C-alpha atoms as a PDB file:
ATOM      1  CA  MET A   1     -13.876  31.591 -34.476  1.00  0.00           C
ATOM      2  CA  LYS A   2     -10.603  33.508 -35.706  1.00  0.00           C
ATOM      3  CA  PRO A   3     -10.591  33.963 -39.484  1.00  0.00           C
ATOM      4  CA  LEU A   4      -7.601  32.310 -41.332  1.00  0.00           C
ATOM      5  CA  PRO A   5      -4.763  34.382 -42.418  1.00  0.00           C
ATOM      6  CA  PHE A   6      -4.891  35.012 -46.198  1.00  0.00           C
ATOM      7  CA  CYS A   7      -3.393  36.689 -49.220  1.00  0.00           C
ATOM      8  CA  LEU A   8      -5.448  37.670 -51.885  1.00  0.00           C
ATOM      9  CA  ALA A   9      -4.806  39.790 -55.168  1.00  0.00           C
ATOM     10  CA  LEU A  10      -7.516  40.933 -56.852  1.00  0.00           C
ATOM     11  CA  VAL A  11      -7.609  42.724 -60.359  1.00  0.00           C
ATOM     12  CA  LEU A  12     -10.104  45.064 -60.576  1.00  0.00           C
ATOM     13  CA  VAL A  13     -10.918  47.562 -63.363  1.00  0.00           C
ATOM     14  CA  VAL A  14     -11.885  51.428 -62.365  1.00  0.00           C
ATOM     15  CA  ALA A  15     -14.255  52.916 -64.691  1.00  0.00           C
ATOM     16  CA  GLY A  16     -13.122  53.834 -68.180  1.00  0.00           C
ATOM     17  CA  GLY A  17     -10.757  51.382 -68.463  1.00  0.00           C
ATOM     18  CA  PRO A  18     -10.132  49.176 -71.435  1.00  0.00           C
ATOM     19  CA  ALA A  19     -11.412  45.898 -70.301  1.00  0.00           C
ATOM     20  CA  THR A  20     -14.787  44.905 -71.541  1.00  0.00           C
ATOM     21  CA  SER A  21     -17.124  42.185 -70.490  1.00  0.00           C
ATOM     22  CA  GLU A  22     -15.777  40.075 -72.914  1.00  0.00           C
ATOM     23  CA  THR A  23     -12.118  39.996 -71.471  1.00  0.00           C
ATOM     24  CA  LEU A  24     -13.117  39.964 -67.811  1.00  0.00           C
ATOM     25  CA  PRO A  25     -16.103  37.540 -66.241  1.00  0.00           C
ATOM     26  CA  ALA A  26     -17.547  40.608 -64.131  1.00  0.00           C
ATOM     27  CA  GLN A  27     -16.465  44.359 -63.610  1.00  0.00           C
ATOM     28  CA  THR A  28     -15.859  44.711 -59.761  1.00  0.00           C
ATOM     29  CA  PRO A  29     -15.846  48.138 -58.793  1.00  0.00           C
ATOM     30  CA  LEU A  30     -12.931  49.349 -56.354  1.00  0.00           C
ATOM     31  CA  PRO A  31     -14.052  49.979 -52.808  1.00  0.00           C
ATOM     32  CA  VAL A  32     -13.665  53.490 -51.139  1.00  0.00           C
ATOM     33  CA  PHE A  33     -10.325  53.915 -49.402  1.00  0.00           C
ATOM     34  CA  THR A  34     -11.334  54.707 -45.938  1.00  0.00           C
ATOM     35  CA  GLN A  35      -8.166  55.814 -44.829  1.00  0.00           C
ATOM     36  CA  THR A  36      -7.463  59.839 -46.095  1.00  0.00           C
ATOM     37  CA  THR A  37      -4.732  60.924 -43.761  1.00  0.00           C
ATOM     38  CA  ALA A  38      -0.725  60.996 -45.103  1.00  0.00           C
ATOM     39  CA  ASP A  39       0.048  59.178 -42.074  1.00  0.00           C
ATOM     40  CA  ALA A  40      -2.273  56.011 -42.725  1.00  0.00           C
ATOM     41  CA  TRP A  41      -0.606  55.257 -45.876  1.00  0.00           C
ATOM     42  CA  LEU A  42       2.776  53.926 -45.456  1.00  0.00           C
ATOM     43  CA  ASN A  43       4.127  54.028 -48.930  1.00  0.00           C
ATOM     44  CA  GLY A  44       2.297  57.046 -51.075  1.00  0.00           C
ATOM     45  CA  GLY A  45      -1.297  58.091 -50.780  1.00  0.00           C
ATOM     46  CA  PRO A  46      -3.726  58.954 -49.714  1.00  0.00           C
ATOM     47  CA  LEU A  47      -5.347  58.097 -52.660  1.00  0.00           C
ATOM     48  CA  GLN A  48      -9.170  58.133 -53.681  1.00  0.00           C
ATOM     49  CA  VAL A  49     -11.071  55.626 -55.987  1.00  0.00           C
ATOM     50  CA  LYS A  50     -11.489  58.814 -58.438  1.00  0.00           C
ATOM     51  CA  ASP A  51      -7.426  59.299 -58.591  1.00  0.00           C
ATOM     52  CA  LEU A  52      -7.443  55.843 -60.399  1.00  0.00           C
ATOM     53  CA  GLY A  53      -9.902  56.335 -63.078  1.00  0.00           C
ATOM     54  CA  GLY A  54      -8.933  54.183 -66.720  1.00  0.00           C
ATOM     55  CA  GLN A  55      -6.403  52.358 -64.633  1.00  0.00           C
ATOM     56  CA  VAL A  56      -5.831  48.746 -64.223  1.00  0.00           C
ATOM     57  CA  VAL A  57      -5.550  48.359 -60.493  1.00  0.00           C
ATOM     58  CA  LEU A  58      -4.176  45.260 -58.502  1.00  0.00           C
ATOM     59  CA  LEU A  59      -5.195  45.229 -55.029  1.00  0.00           C
ATOM     60  CA  ASP A  60      -3.122  42.777 -52.831  1.00  0.00           C
ATOM     61  CA  VAL A  61      -4.565  42.137 -49.330  1.00  0.00           C
ATOM     62  CA  TRP A  62      -1.452  40.799 -47.162  1.00  0.00           C
ATOM     63  CA  THR A  63      -0.060  40.798 -43.732  1.00  0.00           C
ATOM     64  CA  PHE A  64       3.491  40.108 -42.961  1.00  0.00           C
ATOM     65  CA  GLY A  65       2.560  36.989 -41.099  1.00  0.00           C
ATOM     66  CA  CYS A  66       1.665  35.310 -43.894  1.00  0.00           C
ATOM     67  CA  TRP A  67       4.104  32.832 -45.775  1.00  0.00           C
ATOM     68  CA  ASN A  68       1.613  32.870 -48.805  1.00  0.00           C
ATOM     69  CA  CYS A  69       2.135  36.735 -48.742  1.00  0.00           C
ATOM     70  CA  TYR A  70       5.828  36.516 -48.630  1.00  0.00           C
ATOM     71  CA  ARG A  71       6.069  34.243 -51.727  1.00  0.00           C
ATOM     72  CA  SER A  72       3.910  36.708 -53.723  1.00  0.00           C
ATOM     73  CA  PHE A  73       5.913  39.684 -53.097  1.00  0.00           C
ATOM     74  CA  PRO A  74       8.538  39.048 -55.897  1.00  0.00           C
ATOM     75  CA  TRP A  75       5.776  38.399 -58.504  1.00  0.00           C
ATOM     76  CA  LEU A  76       4.369  41.950 -57.506  1.00  0.00           C
ATOM     77  CA  ASN A  77       7.483  43.680 -57.404  1.00  0.00           C
ATOM     78  CA  ALA A  78       8.281  42.126 -61.114  1.00  0.00           C
ATOM     79  CA  LEU A  79       4.958  42.875 -62.311  1.00  0.00           C
ATOM     80  CA  ASP A  80       5.319  46.274 -61.036  1.00  0.00           C
ATOM     81  CA  GLN A  81       8.426  46.903 -62.791  1.00  0.00           C
ATOM     82  CA  GLU A  82       6.974  45.200 -65.880  1.00  0.00           C
ATOM     83  CA  LEU A  83       3.939  47.395 -66.384  1.00  0.00           C
ATOM     84  CA  ALA A  84       5.350  50.866 -65.146  1.00  0.00           C
ATOM     85  CA  ALA A  85       4.843  52.384 -68.339  1.00  0.00           C
ATOM     86  CA  GLU A  86       0.949  51.209 -68.730  1.00  0.00           C
ATOM     87  CA  SER A  87      -2.041  52.232 -66.847  1.00  0.00           C
ATOM     88  CA  PHE A  88      -1.586  50.130 -63.966  1.00  0.00           C
ATOM     89  CA  THR A  89      -1.535  50.813 -60.260  1.00  0.00           C
ATOM     90  CA  GLY A  90      -0.575  48.082 -57.608  1.00  0.00           C
ATOM     91  CA  ILE A  91      -1.902  49.035 -53.935  1.00  0.00           C
ATOM     92  CA  GLY A  92      -1.179  46.795 -50.975  1.00  0.00           C
ATOM     93  CA  ASN A  93      -3.568  46.481 -48.204  1.00  0.00           C
ATOM     94  CA  HIS A  94      -1.955  45.226 -44.780  1.00  0.00           C
ATOM     95  CA  SER A  95      -4.668  43.484 -43.265  1.00  0.00           C
ATOM     96  CA  PRO A  96      -3.450  42.113 -39.819  1.00  0.00           C
ATOM     97  CA  GLN A  97      -4.896  39.224 -38.152  1.00  0.00           C
ATOM     98  CA  PHE A  98      -2.936  38.972 -35.045  1.00  0.00           C
ATOM     99  CA  GLY A  99      -2.113  41.860 -32.465  1.00  0.00           C
ATOM    100  CA  HIS A 100       1.603  42.188 -33.309  1.00  0.00           C
ATOM    101  CA  GLU A 101       0.897  42.226 -36.856  1.00  0.00           C
ATOM    102  CA  ARG A 102      -1.005  45.451 -35.874  1.00  0.00           C
ATOM    103  CA  ASP A 103       2.243  47.556 -35.263  1.00  0.00           C
ATOM    104  CA  SER A 104       2.835  49.972 -37.735  1.00  0.00           C
ATOM    105  CA  ALA A 105       6.321  50.121 -37.258  1.00  0.00           C
ATOM    106  CA  ARG A 106       6.888  46.484 -38.383  1.00  0.00           C
ATOM    107  CA  VAL A 107       4.816  46.881 -40.870  1.00  0.00           C
ATOM    108  CA  ALA A 108       6.642  49.599 -42.424  1.00  0.00           C
ATOM    109  CA  ALA A 109       9.892  47.559 -41.767  1.00  0.00           C
ATOM    110  CA  HIS A 110       8.305  44.528 -43.828  1.00  0.00           C
ATOM    111  CA  ILE A 111       7.331  47.032 -46.782  1.00  0.00           C
ATOM    112  CA  GLU A 112      11.102  48.398 -46.883  1.00  0.00           C
ATOM    113  CA  GLU A 113      12.625  44.776 -46.317  1.00  0.00           C
ATOM    114  CA  PHE A 114      10.508  43.265 -49.357  1.00  0.00           C
ATOM    115  CA  GLY A 115      10.807  46.562 -51.504  1.00  0.00           C
ATOM    116  CA  LEU A 116       6.667  46.865 -51.357  1.00  0.00           C
END
């Protein structure tokens, strides 16, 4: 059984952030980034979790074959602009389901097309 396409945005607080147990149901640690070379990061990076200490991090898991993901891009871009002066970082994680979504040139083209 193949997994269903999805688009998921998680707001994660990296240790040292201003959130408390009263403002968040539970703090979720940011997973370690496994891609450590610059060519594996299409729009910035490479980052390590320790680079994000004290920031609020929005991790957007997306794929260019997902229409729900397309619908979230304007909101994500607006949020990025609105919080540019804050301790906020948005990170997109392209998570392909199908073979044609694994083509890094096509991923890069979609990043440019949607201003991600």
